[in-house]
Amino acid sequence: MLKGINRNVIVVRTEPNSKFEAVYFVLRKGGASERADVVKEANKIINDSGAHKRYVRRGLRTALLVACSAILGAVLSLLVCLLAFL
């Protein structure tokens, strides 16, 4: 919760396909720095949050499950064909 009126807040809007709509950074009193430095640091924090890494892992897991399912389907089809001709 923010208290008081004299707060410096930086809002970083993200890309439309991002998980976050916007990120808010509340600066300490007396923590004045260059705007570009603050935005650069904010983007670094967002990128290091690990959110994008979860999507990569989820994609790899899905690809592995699809590949295993295809292999299992092929093996079962082969077994059914072999048993039908016996």
PDB file of N, CA and C in Angstrom:
ATOM      1  N   MET A   1       0.845  -1.174   0.000  1.00  0.00           N
ATOM      2  CA  MET A   1       0.000   0.000   0.000  1.00  0.00           C
ATOM      3  C   MET A   1       0.888   1.234   0.000  1.00  0.00           C
ATOM      4  N   LEU A   2       0.565   2.172  -0.823  1.00  0.00           N
ATOM      5  CA  LEU A   2       1.310   3.425  -0.886  1.00  0.00           C
ATOM      6  C   LEU A   2       0.685   4.432   0.053  1.00  0.00           C
ATOM      7  N   LYS A   3       1.514   5.078   0.846  1.00  0.00           N
ATOM      8  CA  LYS A   3       1.024   6.118   1.744  1.00  0.00           C
ATOM      9  C   LYS A   3       1.706   7.427   1.391  1.00  0.00           C
ATOM     10  N   GLY A   4       0.968   8.499   1.505  1.00  0.00           N
ATOM     11  CA  GLY A   4       1.537   9.800   1.205  1.00  0.00           C
ATOM     12  C   GLY A   4       1.339  10.178  -0.252  1.00  0.00           C
ATOM     13  N   ILE A   5       1.670  11.396  -0.564  1.00  0.00           N
ATOM     14  CA  ILE A   5       1.457  11.893  -1.911  1.00  0.00           C
ATOM     15  C   ILE A   5       2.779  12.037  -2.658  1.00  0.00           C
ATOM     16  N   ASN A   6       3.846  12.224  -1.951  1.00  0.00           N
ATOM     17  CA  ASN A   6       5.135  12.519  -2.581  1.00  0.00           C
ATOM     18  C   ASN A   6       5.901  11.238  -2.886  1.00  0.00           C
ATOM     19  N   ARG A   7       5.364  10.451  -3.761  1.00  0.00           N
ATOM     20  CA  ARG A   7       6.037   9.215  -4.170  1.00  0.00           C
ATOM     21  C   ARG A   7       6.377   9.312  -5.651  1.00  0.00           C
ATOM     22  N   ASN A   8       7.558   8.865  -5.979  1.00  0.00           N
ATOM     23  CA  ASN A   8       7.942   8.790  -7.386  1.00  0.00           C
ATOM     24  C   ASN A   8       7.661   7.382  -7.869  1.00  0.00           C
ATOM     25  N   VAL A   9       6.798   7.281  -8.849  1.00  0.00           N
ATOM     26  CA  VAL A   9       6.404   5.979  -9.381  1.00  0.00           C
ATOM     27  C   VAL A   9       6.751   5.945 -10.862  1.00  0.00           C
ATOM     28  N   ILE A  10       7.370   4.847 -11.272  1.00  0.00           N
ATOM     29  CA  ILE A  10       7.678   4.643 -12.683  1.00  0.00           C
ATOM     30  C   ILE A  10       6.821   3.479 -13.158  1.00  0.00           C
ATOM     31  N   VAL A  11       6.123   3.689 -14.253  1.00  0.00           N
ATOM     32  CA  VAL A  11       5.275   2.663 -14.847  1.00  0.00           C
ATOM     33  C   VAL A  11       5.937   2.202 -16.133  1.00  0.00           C
ATOM     34  N   VAL A  12       6.188   0.912 -16.221  1.00  0.00           N
ATOM     35  CA  VAL A  12       6.772   0.330 -17.430  1.00  0.00           C
ATOM     36  C   VAL A  12       5.690  -0.512 -18.084  1.00  0.00           C
ATOM     37  N   ARG A  13       5.234  -0.074 -19.237  1.00  0.00           N
ATOM     38  CA  ARG A  13       4.223  -0.822 -20.000  1.00  0.00           C
ATOM     39  C   ARG A  13       4.940  -1.913 -20.787  1.00  0.00           C
ATOM     40  N   THR A  14       4.348  -3.078 -20.815  1.00  0.00           N
ATOM     41  CA  THR A  14       4.984  -4.197 -21.500  1.00  0.00           C
ATOM     42  C   THR A  14       4.329  -4.426 -22.846  1.00  0.00           C
ATOM     43  N   GLU A  15       4.865  -5.375 -23.591  1.00  0.00           N
ATOM     44  CA  GLU A  15       4.345  -5.708 -24.913  1.00  0.00           C
ATOM     45  C   GLU A  15       2.979  -6.374 -24.775  1.00  0.00           C
ATOM     46  N   PRO A  16       2.141  -6.309 -25.802  1.00  0.00           N
ATOM     47  CA  PRO A  16       0.799  -6.901 -25.725  1.00  0.00           C
ATOM     48  C   PRO A  16       0.796  -8.407 -25.466  1.00  0.00           C
ATOM     49  N   ASN A  17       1.796  -9.138 -25.936  1.00  0.00           N
ATOM     50  CA  ASN A  17       1.811 -10.586 -25.748  1.00  0.00           C
ATOM     51  C   ASN A  17       2.523 -10.999 -24.461  1.00  0.00           C
ATOM     52  N   SER A  18       2.853 -10.035 -23.617  1.00  0.00           N
ATOM     53  CA  SER A  18       3.547 -10.326 -22.364  1.00  0.00           C
ATOM     54  C   SER A  18       2.559 -10.791 -21.303  1.00  0.00           C
ATOM     55  N   LYS A  19       3.078 -11.471 -20.300  1.00  0.00           N
ATOM     56  CA  LYS A  19       2.251 -11.929 -19.191  1.00  0.00           C
ATOM     57  C   LYS A  19       1.805 -10.752 -18.327  1.00  0.00           C
ATOM     58  N   PHE A  20       2.611  -9.708 -18.277  1.00  0.00           N
ATOM     59  CA  PHE A  20       2.306  -8.537 -17.471  1.00  0.00           C
ATOM     60  C   PHE A  20       1.764  -7.424 -18.349  1.00  0.00           C
ATOM     61  N   GLU A  21       0.782  -6.704 -17.836  1.00  0.00           N
ATOM     62  CA  GLU A  21       0.273  -5.551 -18.566  1.00  0.00           C
ATOM     63  C   GLU A  21       1.145  -4.338 -18.301  1.00  0.00           C
ATOM     64  N   ALA A  22       1.490  -4.135 -17.043  1.00  0.00           N
ATOM     65  CA  ALA A  22       2.353  -3.018 -16.660  1.00  0.00           C
ATOM     66  C   ALA A  22       3.053  -3.390 -15.355  1.00  0.00           C
ATOM     67  N   VAL A  23       4.198  -2.782 -15.153  1.00  0.00           N
ATOM     68  CA  VAL A  23       4.957  -2.997 -13.917  1.00  0.00           C
ATOM     69  C   VAL A  23       5.181  -1.634 -13.279  1.00  0.00           C
ATOM     70  N   TYR A  24       4.914  -1.539 -11.991  1.00  0.00           N
ATOM     71  CA  TYR A  24       5.050  -0.283 -11.265  1.00  0.00           C
ATOM     72  C   TYR A  24       6.237  -0.367 -10.318  1.00  0.00           C
ATOM     73  N   PHE A  25       7.096   0.638 -10.381  1.00  0.00           N
ATOM     74  CA  PHE A  25       8.237   0.729  -9.483  1.00  0.00           C
ATOM     75  C   PHE A  25       8.077   1.997  -8.654  1.00  0.00           C
ATOM     76  N   VAL A  26       8.135   1.842  -7.339  1.00  0.00           N
ATOM     77  CA  VAL A  26       8.033   2.983  -6.434  1.00  0.00           C
ATOM     78  C   VAL A  26       9.441   3.304  -5.952  1.00  0.00           C
ATOM     79  N   LEU A  27       9.893   4.526  -6.233  1.00  0.00           N
ATOM     80  CA  LEU A  27      11.254   4.931  -5.883  1.00  0.00           C
ATOM     81  C   LEU A  27      11.302   5.480  -4.466  1.00  0.00           C
ATOM     82  N   ARG A  28      12.405   5.239  -3.814  1.00  0.00           N
ATOM     83  CA  ARG A  28      12.617   5.781  -2.477  1.00  0.00           C
ATOM     84  C   ARG A  28      12.790   7.283  -2.552  1.00  0.00           C
ATOM     85  N   LYS A  29      12.464   7.913  -1.456  1.00  0.00           N
ATOM     86  CA  LYS A  29      12.638   9.352  -1.374  1.00  0.00           C
ATOM     87  C   LYS A  29      14.136   9.656  -1.402  1.00  0.00           C
ATOM     88  N   GLY A  30      14.514  10.593  -2.217  1.00  0.00           N
ATOM     89  CA  GLY A  30      15.924  10.945  -2.324  1.00  0.00           C
ATOM     90  C   GLY A  30      16.708  10.027  -3.242  1.00  0.00           C
ATOM     91  N   GLY A  31      16.053   9.086  -3.868  1.00  0.00           N
ATOM     92  CA  GLY A  31      16.740   8.155  -4.758  1.00  0.00           C
ATOM     93  C   GLY A  31      16.700   8.632  -6.196  1.00  0.00           C
ATOM     94  N   ALA A  32      16.966   9.898  -6.390  1.00  0.00           N
ATOM     95  CA  ALA A  32      16.881  10.465  -7.736  1.00  0.00           C
ATOM     96  C   ALA A  32      18.022   9.954  -8.604  1.00  0.00           C
ATOM     97  N   SER A  33      17.689   9.544  -9.799  1.00  0.00           N
ATOM     98  CA  SER A  33      18.686   9.160 -10.786  1.00  0.00           C
ATOM     99  C   SER A  33      18.138   9.479 -12.162  1.00  0.00           C
ATOM    100  N   GLU A  34      18.958   9.229 -13.142  1.00  0.00           N
ATOM    101  CA  GLU A  34      18.556   9.488 -14.524  1.00  0.00           C
ATOM    102  C   GLU A  34      17.381   8.584 -14.900  1.00  0.00           C
ATOM    103  N   ARG A  35      16.450   9.147 -15.642  1.00  0.00           N
ATOM    104  CA  ARG A  35      15.260   8.392 -16.044  1.00  0.00           C
ATOM    105  C   ARG A  35      15.650   7.168 -16.878  1.00  0.00           C
ATOM    106  N   ALA A  36      16.586   7.323 -17.772  1.00  0.00           N
ATOM    107  CA  ALA A  36      17.013   6.212 -18.625  1.00  0.00           C
ATOM    108  C   ALA A  36      17.614   5.078 -17.793  1.00  0.00           C
ATOM    109  N   ASP A  37      18.376   5.440 -16.747  1.00  0.00           N
ATOM    110  CA  ASP A  37      18.964   4.413 -15.881  1.00  0.00           C
ATOM    111  C   ASP A  37      17.893   3.639 -15.132  1.00  0.00           C
ATOM    112  N   VAL A  38      16.872   4.360 -14.671  1.00  0.00           N
ATOM    113  CA  VAL A  38      15.799   3.706 -13.917  1.00  0.00           C
ATOM    114  C   VAL A  38      15.004   2.779 -14.825  1.00  0.00           C
ATOM    115  N   VAL A  39      14.698   3.215 -16.024  1.00  0.00           N
ATOM    116  CA  VAL A  39      13.957   2.373 -16.969  1.00  0.00           C
ATOM    117  C   VAL A  39      14.794   1.160 -17.368  1.00  0.00           C
ATOM    118  N   LYS A  40      16.090   1.361 -17.557  1.00  0.00           N
ATOM    119  CA  LYS A  40      16.994   0.253 -17.899  1.00  0.00           C
ATOM    120  C   LYS A  40      17.017  -0.784 -16.771  1.00  0.00           C
ATOM    121  N   GLU A  41      17.105  -0.322 -15.540  1.00  0.00           N
ATOM    122  CA  GLU A  41      17.109  -1.222 -14.389  1.00  0.00           C
ATOM    123  C   GLU A  41      15.769  -1.940 -14.249  1.00  0.00           C
ATOM    124  N   ALA A  42      14.667  -1.223 -14.508  1.00  0.00           N
ATOM    125  CA  ALA A  42      13.340  -1.831 -14.435  1.00  0.00           C
ATOM    126  C   ALA A  42      13.207  -2.947 -15.465  1.00  0.00           C
ATOM    127  N   ASN A  43      13.661  -2.698 -16.676  1.00  0.00           N
ATOM    128  CA  ASN A  43      13.611  -3.731 -17.715  1.00  0.00           C
ATOM    129  C   ASN A  43      14.484  -4.923 -17.361  1.00  0.00           C
ATOM    130  N   LYS A  44      15.620  -4.670 -16.728  1.00  0.00           N
ATOM    131  CA  LYS A  44      16.493  -5.761 -16.303  1.00  0.00           C
ATOM    132  C   LYS A  44      15.796  -6.630 -15.253  1.00  0.00           C
ATOM    133  N   ILE A  45      15.115  -5.988 -14.300  1.00  0.00           N
ATOM    134  CA  ILE A  45      14.400  -6.733 -13.262  1.00  0.00           C
ATOM    135  C   ILE A  45      13.288  -7.567 -13.876  1.00  0.00           C
ATOM    136  N   ILE A  46      12.562  -6.995 -14.828  1.00  0.00           N
ATOM    137  CA  ILE A  46      11.473  -7.725 -15.483  1.00  0.00           C
ATOM    138  C   ILE A  46      12.019  -8.931 -16.238  1.00  0.00           C
ATOM    139  N   ASN A  47      13.103  -8.750 -16.966  1.00  0.00           N
ATOM    140  CA  ASN A  47      13.677  -9.850 -17.746  1.00  0.00           C
ATOM    141  C   ASN A  47      14.268 -10.936 -16.859  1.00  0.00           C
ATOM    142  N   ASP A  48      14.781 -10.557 -15.695  1.00  0.00           N
ATOM    143  CA  ASP A  48      15.374 -11.529 -14.784  1.00  0.00           C
ATOM    144  C   ASP A  48      14.349 -12.185 -13.874  1.00  0.00           C
ATOM    145  N   SER A  49      13.075 -11.840 -14.028  1.00  0.00           N
ATOM    146  CA  SER A  49      12.053 -12.360 -13.117  1.00  0.00           C
ATOM    147  C   SER A  49      11.827 -13.851 -13.287  1.00  0.00           C
ATOM    148  N   GLY A  50      12.210 -14.420 -14.419  1.00  0.00           N
ATOM    149  CA  GLY A  50      12.061 -15.853 -14.636  1.00  0.00           C
ATOM    150  C   GLY A  50      10.747 -16.237 -15.278  1.00  0.00           C
ATOM    151  N   ALA A  51       9.889 -15.283 -15.526  1.00  0.00           N
ATOM    152  CA  ALA A  51       8.596 -15.608 -16.129  1.00  0.00           C
ATOM    153  C   ALA A  51       8.774 -16.192 -17.520  1.00  0.00           C
ATOM    154  N   HIS A  52       9.680 -15.643 -18.310  1.00  0.00           N
ATOM    155  CA  HIS A  52       9.875 -16.140 -19.670  1.00  0.00           C
ATOM    156  C   HIS A  52      10.519 -17.517 -19.675  1.00  0.00           C
ATOM    157  N   LYS A  53      11.284 -17.864 -18.635  1.00  0.00           N
ATOM    158  CA  LYS A  53      11.934 -19.169 -18.586  1.00  0.00           C
ATOM    159  C   LYS A  53      10.902 -20.280 -18.391  1.00  0.00           C
ATOM    160  N   ARG A  54       9.828 -19.978 -17.634  1.00  0.00           N
ATOM    161  CA  ARG A  54       8.793 -20.978 -17.425  1.00  0.00           C
ATOM    162  C   ARG A  54       8.112 -21.343 -18.734  1.00  0.00           C
ATOM    163  N   TYR A  55       7.894 -20.363 -19.607  1.00  0.00           N
ATOM    164  CA  TYR A  55       7.261 -20.642 -20.883  1.00  0.00           C
ATOM    165  C   TYR A  55       8.144 -21.518 -21.751  1.00  0.00           C
ATOM    166  N   VAL A  56       9.446 -21.325 -21.711  1.00  0.00           N
ATOM    167  CA  VAL A  56      10.364 -22.153 -22.496  1.00  0.00           C
ATOM    168  C   VAL A  56      10.326 -23.584 -21.980  1.00  0.00           C
ATOM    169  N   ARG A  57      10.378 -23.750 -20.654  1.00  0.00           N
ATOM    170  CA  ARG A  57      10.334 -25.093 -20.079  1.00  0.00           C
ATOM    171  C   ARG A  57       9.014 -25.780 -20.399  1.00  0.00           C
ATOM    172  N   ARG A  58       7.910 -25.029 -20.336  1.00  0.00           N
ATOM    173  CA  ARG A  58       6.600 -25.600 -20.629  1.00  0.00           C
ATOM    174  C   ARG A  58       6.533 -26.042 -22.093  1.00  0.00           C
ATOM    175  N   GLY A  59       7.122 -25.261 -22.986  1.00  0.00           N
ATOM    176  CA  GLY A  59       7.132 -25.618 -24.399  1.00  0.00           C
ATOM    177  C   GLY A  59       7.951 -26.868 -24.660  1.00  0.00           C
ATOM    178  N   LEU A  60       9.103 -26.981 -23.993  1.00  0.00           N
ATOM    179  CA  LEU A  60       9.935 -28.172 -24.163  1.00  0.00           C
ATOM    180  C   LEU A  60       9.231 -29.415 -23.619  1.00  0.00           C
ATOM    181  N   ARG A  61       8.555 -29.251 -22.495  1.00  0.00           N
ATOM    182  CA  ARG A  61       7.829 -30.376 -21.905  1.00  0.00           C
ATOM    183  C   ARG A  61       6.703 -30.830 -22.839  1.00  0.00           C
ATOM    184  N   THR A  62       5.998 -29.879 -23.423  1.00  0.00           N
ATOM    185  CA  THR A  62       4.914 -30.207 -24.348  1.00  0.00           C
ATOM    186  C   THR A  62       5.453 -30.917 -25.581  1.00  0.00           C
ATOM    187  N   ALA A  63       6.563 -30.424 -26.121  1.00  0.00           N
ATOM    188  CA  ALA A  63       7.164 -31.056 -27.294  1.00  0.00           C
ATOM    189  C   ALA A  63       7.596 -32.487 -26.979  1.00  0.00           C
ATOM    190  N   LEU A  64       8.152 -32.705 -25.799  1.00  0.00           N
ATOM    191  CA  LEU A  64       8.573 -34.043 -25.397  1.00  0.00           C
ATOM    192  C   LEU A  64       7.374 -34.973 -25.259  1.00  0.00           C
ATOM    193  N   LEU A  65       6.288 -34.484 -24.679  1.00  0.00           N
ATOM    194  CA  LEU A  65       5.084 -35.309 -24.537  1.00  0.00           C
ATOM    195  C   LEU A  65       4.478 -35.655 -25.900  1.00  0.00           C
ATOM    196  N   VAL A  66       4.485 -34.719 -26.825  1.00  0.00           N
ATOM    197  CA  VAL A  66       3.960 -34.986 -28.169  1.00  0.00           C
ATOM    198  C   VAL A  66       4.819 -36.033 -28.860  1.00  0.00           C
ATOM    199  N   ALA A  67       6.130 -35.917 -28.743  1.00  0.00           N
ATOM    200  CA  ALA A  67       7.027 -36.887 -29.371  1.00  0.00           C
ATOM    201  C   ALA A  67       6.835 -38.282 -28.773  1.00  0.00           C
ATOM    202  N   CYS A  68       6.730 -38.364 -27.469  1.00  0.00           N
ATOM    203  CA  CYS A  68       6.515 -39.671 -26.817  1.00  0.00           C
ATOM    204  C   CYS A  68       5.177 -40.273 -27.222  1.00  0.00           C
ATOM    205  N   SER A  69       4.157 -39.434 -27.328  1.00  0.00           N
ATOM    206  CA  SER A  69       2.844 -39.924 -27.750  1.00  0.00           C
ATOM    207  C   SER A  69       2.892 -40.454 -29.173  1.00  0.00           C
ATOM    208  N   ALA A  70       3.605 -39.775 -30.047  1.00  0.00           N
ATOM    209  CA  ALA A  70       3.721 -40.223 -31.440  1.00  0.00           C
ATOM    210  C   ALA A  70       4.459 -41.554 -31.517  1.00  0.00           C
ATOM    211  N   ILE A  71       5.519 -41.692 -30.763  1.00  0.00           N
ATOM    212  CA  ILE A  71       6.283 -42.951 -30.759  1.00  0.00           C
ATOM    213  C   ILE A  71       5.429 -44.088 -30.213  1.00  0.00           C
ATOM    214  N   LEU A  72       4.720 -43.833 -29.121  1.00  0.00           N
ATOM    215  CA  LEU A  72       3.858 -44.855 -28.524  1.00  0.00           C
ATOM    216  C   LEU A  72       2.742 -45.249 -29.492  1.00  0.00           C
ATOM    217  N   GLY A  73       2.168 -44.287 -30.176  1.00  0.00           N
ATOM    218  CA  GLY A  73       1.126 -44.578 -31.163  1.00  0.00           C
ATOM    219  C   GLY A  73       1.652 -45.420 -32.304  1.00  0.00           C
ATOM    220  N   ALA A  74       2.861 -45.098 -32.770  1.00  0.00           N
ATOM    221  CA  ALA A  74       3.457 -45.871 -33.858  1.00  0.00           C
ATOM    222  C   ALA A  74       3.741 -47.303 -33.423  1.00  0.00           C
ATOM    223  N   VAL A  75       4.249 -47.499 -32.222  1.00  0.00           N
ATOM    224  CA  VAL A  75       4.553 -48.845 -31.717  1.00  0.00           C
ATOM    225  C   VAL A  75       3.263 -49.643 -31.562  1.00  0.00           C
ATOM    226  N   LEU A  76       2.230 -49.026 -31.009  1.00  0.00           N
ATOM    227  CA  LEU A  76       0.960 -49.744 -30.845  1.00  0.00           C
ATOM    228  C   LEU A  76       0.340 -50.107 -32.195  1.00  0.00           C
ATOM    229  N   SER A  77       0.421 -49.194 -33.157  1.00  0.00           N
ATOM    230  CA  SER A  77      -0.103 -49.492 -34.497  1.00  0.00           C
ATOM    231  C   SER A  77       0.653 -50.657 -35.127  1.00  0.00           C
ATOM    232  N   LEU A  78       1.955 -50.675 -34.956  1.00  0.00           N
ATOM    233  CA  LEU A  78       2.770 -51.764 -35.485  1.00  0.00           C
ATOM    234  C   LEU A  78       2.406 -53.087 -34.834  1.00  0.00           C
ATOM    235  N   LEU A  79       2.187 -53.082 -33.537  1.00  0.00           N
ATOM    236  CA  LEU A  79       1.799 -54.308 -32.829  1.00  0.00           C
ATOM    237  C   LEU A  79       0.435 -54.808 -33.299  1.00  0.00           C
ATOM    238  N   VAL A  80      -0.493 -53.906 -33.487  1.00  0.00           N
ATOM    239  CA  VAL A  80      -1.827 -54.303 -33.950  1.00  0.00           C
ATOM    240  C   VAL A  80      -1.737 -54.909 -35.355  1.00  0.00           C
ATOM    241  N   CYS A  81      -0.961 -54.307 -36.224  1.00  0.00           N
ATOM    242  CA  CYS A  81      -0.782 -54.837 -37.585  1.00  0.00           C
ATOM    243  C   CYS A  81      -0.126 -56.210 -37.564  1.00  0.00           C
ATOM    244  N   LEU A  82       0.881 -56.379 -36.738  1.00  0.00           N
ATOM    245  CA  LEU A  82       1.583 -57.669 -36.662  1.00  0.00           C
ATOM    246  C   LEU A  82       0.671 -58.748 -36.094  1.00  0.00           C
ATOM    247  N   LEU A  83      -0.125 -58.416 -35.074  1.00  0.00           N
ATOM    248  CA  LEU A  83      -1.034 -59.401 -34.489  1.00  0.00           C
ATOM    249  C   LEU A  83      -2.178 -59.734 -35.431  1.00  0.00           C
ATOM    250  N   ALA A  84      -2.575 -58.825 -36.293  1.00  0.00           N
ATOM    251  CA  ALA A  84      -3.669 -59.085 -37.224  1.00  0.00           C
ATOM    252  C   ALA A  84      -3.265 -60.080 -38.307  1.00  0.00           C
ATOM    253  N   PHE A  85      -1.992 -60.102 -38.668  1.00  0.00           N
ATOM    254  CA  PHE A  85      -1.512 -60.998 -39.713  1.00  0.00           C
ATOM    255  C   PHE A  85      -1.052 -62.353 -39.187  1.00  0.00           C
ATOM    256  N   LEU A  86      -1.094 -62.550 -37.891  1.00  0.00           N
ATOM    257  CA  LEU A  86      -0.676 -63.845 -37.338  1.00  0.00           C
ATOM    258  C   LEU A  86      -1.762 -64.835 -37.330  1.00  0.00           C
TER     259      LEU A  86
END
